[in-house]
Structure formats: C-alpha cells, structure tokens
Amino acid sequence: MSWRVSITRRWYAMGKSKVKAYIHTLYEVDWSNKTVKLKTKKCPRCGSIMAHHKKPVERYQCGYCGYTEFVVGK
C-alpha cells in the first residue's frame, strides 16, 4: 500500500468529506440554456480571474497583477 492510499484512508476515517473539484467553484452551468457563466469578475488590467474577499472589507482582488476593486454598498 502506498503512502497516498494510507493518508486518504485516514482522511475519510476521520470523517472528512470529499473536496469538490475546483473548477465547479469558478463557473456556473445553466443546463436548460446550455451556457457556462463565470461566477466572479475578470481583471480589467490583465484578464485573470479575480478573488472575492468578504473580510475585513468586501473586495475583488487579482492575485496576478494586484489590481483591487472595493465593493461599495450592496
């Protein structure tokens, strides 16, 4: 038995659930219209996907170029 299998078995034995695939957190699929939509914004400066931070101040931030947009009044 490899070390990866033993770690995985211990992970599930501790009651951990399987982690959802990362790609499902970025896109929203509408099966009726057969469209795929990005859940977050794209960076206007470099075109990368921006991260949405809620604390301490709600904002969108690009990890590639450092561009930041603050959310004002929702």
C-alpha atoms as a PDB file:
ATOM      1  CA  MET A   1       0.000   0.000   0.000  1.00  0.00           C
ATOM      2  CA  SER A   2       1.394   3.378  -0.968  1.00  0.00           C
ATOM      3  CA  TRP A   3       1.596   6.282   1.446  1.00  0.00           C
ATOM      4  CA  ARG A   4      -1.028   8.216  -0.547  1.00  0.00           C
ATOM      5  CA  VAL A   5      -3.618   5.487  -0.111  1.00  0.00           C
ATOM      6  CA  SER A   6      -2.976   5.281   3.622  1.00  0.00           C
ATOM      7  CA  ILE A   7      -3.298   9.065   4.021  1.00  0.00           C
ATOM      8  CA  THR A   8      -6.549   9.052   2.031  1.00  0.00           C
ATOM      9  CA  ARG A   9      -7.978   6.232   4.142  1.00  0.00           C
ATOM     10  CA  ARG A  10      -7.076   8.079   7.345  1.00  0.00           C
ATOM     11  CA  TRP A  11      -8.679  11.265   5.962  1.00  0.00           C
ATOM     12  CA  TYR A  12     -12.006   9.506   5.369  1.00  0.00           C
ATOM     13  CA  ALA A  13     -11.759   7.623   8.676  1.00  0.00           C
ATOM     14  CA  MET A  14     -11.607  10.977  10.496  1.00  0.00           C
ATOM     15  CA  GLY A  15     -14.975  11.881   8.960  1.00  0.00           C
ATOM     16  CA  LYS A  16     -13.751  14.277   6.289  1.00  0.00           C
ATOM     17  CA  SER A  17     -15.839  14.613   3.165  1.00  0.00           C
ATOM     18  CA  LYS A  18     -14.525  14.616  -0.360  1.00  0.00           C
ATOM     19  CA  VAL A  19     -13.487  18.049  -1.645  1.00  0.00           C
ATOM     20  CA  LYS A  20     -15.452  19.415  -4.602  1.00  0.00           C
ATOM     21  CA  ALA A  21     -13.467  19.943  -7.797  1.00  0.00           C
ATOM     22  CA  TYR A  22     -12.019  23.460  -8.006  1.00  0.00           C
ATOM     23  CA  ILE A  23     -13.442  24.162 -11.470  1.00  0.00           C
ATOM     24  CA  HIS A  24     -17.003  23.876 -10.102  1.00  0.00           C
ATOM     25  CA  THR A  25     -16.355  26.806  -7.780  1.00  0.00           C
ATOM     26  CA  LEU A  26     -15.426  29.132 -10.668  1.00  0.00           C
ATOM     27  CA  TYR A  27     -18.180  28.539 -13.214  1.00  0.00           C
ATOM     28  CA  GLU A  28     -21.983  28.312 -13.143  1.00  0.00           C
ATOM     29  CA  VAL A  29     -23.630  25.972 -15.666  1.00  0.00           C
ATOM     30  CA  ASP A  30     -27.179  26.523 -16.908  1.00  0.00           C
ATOM     31  CA  TRP A  31     -28.226  23.185 -18.393  1.00  0.00           C
ATOM     32  CA  SER A  32     -31.526  24.438 -19.829  1.00  0.00           C
ATOM     33  CA  ASN A  33     -29.858  27.157 -21.939  1.00  0.00           C
ATOM     34  CA  LYS A  34     -26.586  25.219 -22.326  1.00  0.00           C
ATOM     35  CA  THR A  35     -24.464  28.160 -21.198  1.00  0.00           C
ATOM     36  CA  VAL A  36     -21.456  28.464 -18.912  1.00  0.00           C
ATOM     37  CA  LYS A  37     -21.019  31.672 -16.896  1.00  0.00           C
ATOM     38  CA  LEU A  38     -18.094  32.844 -14.762  1.00  0.00           C
ATOM     39  CA  LYS A  39     -19.146  33.357 -11.111  1.00  0.00           C
ATOM     40  CA  THR A  40     -16.573  36.052 -10.312  1.00  0.00           C
ATOM     41  CA  LYS A  41     -15.130  39.003 -12.213  1.00  0.00           C
ATOM     42  CA  LYS A  42     -12.237  39.116 -14.659  1.00  0.00           C
ATOM     43  CA  CYS A  43      -9.409  41.561 -14.061  1.00  0.00           C
ATOM     44  CA  PRO A  44      -9.660  44.583 -16.373  1.00  0.00           C
ATOM     45  CA  ARG A  45      -5.885  45.044 -16.277  1.00  0.00           C
ATOM     46  CA  CYS A  46      -4.568  41.537 -17.079  1.00  0.00           C
ATOM     47  CA  GLY A  47      -7.646  39.339 -17.766  1.00  0.00           C
ATOM     48  CA  SER A  48      -7.143  36.830 -14.924  1.00  0.00           C
ATOM     49  CA  ILE A  49      -9.963  35.661 -12.639  1.00  0.00           C
ATOM     50  CA  MET A  50     -10.269  37.842  -9.547  1.00  0.00           C
ATOM     51  CA  ALA A  51     -10.740  36.522  -5.996  1.00  0.00           C
ATOM     52  CA  HIS A  52     -13.726  37.695  -3.949  1.00  0.00           C
ATOM     53  CA  HIS A  53     -12.817  38.586  -0.344  1.00  0.00           C
ATOM     54  CA  LYS A  54     -15.523  39.367   2.205  1.00  0.00           C
ATOM     55  CA  LYS A  55     -13.420  40.242   5.265  1.00  0.00           C
ATOM     56  CA  PRO A  56     -12.154  42.682   6.546  1.00  0.00           C
ATOM     57  CA  VAL A  57     -13.544  44.793   3.677  1.00  0.00           C
ATOM     58  CA  GLU A  58     -15.530  43.282   0.800  1.00  0.00           C
ATOM     59  CA  ARG A  59     -13.446  43.475  -2.371  1.00  0.00           C
ATOM     60  CA  TYR A  60     -12.342  41.739  -5.571  1.00  0.00           C
ATOM     61  CA  GLN A  61      -8.585  41.267  -5.932  1.00  0.00           C
ATOM     62  CA  CYS A  62      -6.390  39.942  -8.706  1.00  0.00           C
ATOM     63  CA  GLY A  63      -3.621  37.661  -7.460  1.00  0.00           C
ATOM     64  CA  TYR A  64      -1.581  38.080 -10.627  1.00  0.00           C
ATOM     65  CA  CYS A  65      -1.207  41.862 -11.009  1.00  0.00           C
ATOM     66  CA  GLY A  66      -2.528  43.100  -7.628  1.00  0.00           C
ATOM     67  CA  TYR A  67      -5.474  45.107  -9.004  1.00  0.00           C
ATOM     68  CA  THR A  68      -8.177  45.655  -6.334  1.00  0.00           C
ATOM     69  CA  GLU A  69     -11.824  46.774  -6.615  1.00  0.00           C
ATOM     70  CA  PHE A  70     -13.727  47.584  -3.443  1.00  0.00           C
ATOM     71  CA  VAL A  71     -17.469  46.788  -3.282  1.00  0.00           C
ATOM     72  CA  VAL A  72     -19.410  49.894  -2.272  1.00  0.00           C
ATOM     73  CA  GLY A  73     -22.901  49.431  -0.793  1.00  0.00           C
ATOM     74  CA  LYS A  74     -24.769  46.314  -1.847  1.00  0.00           C
END
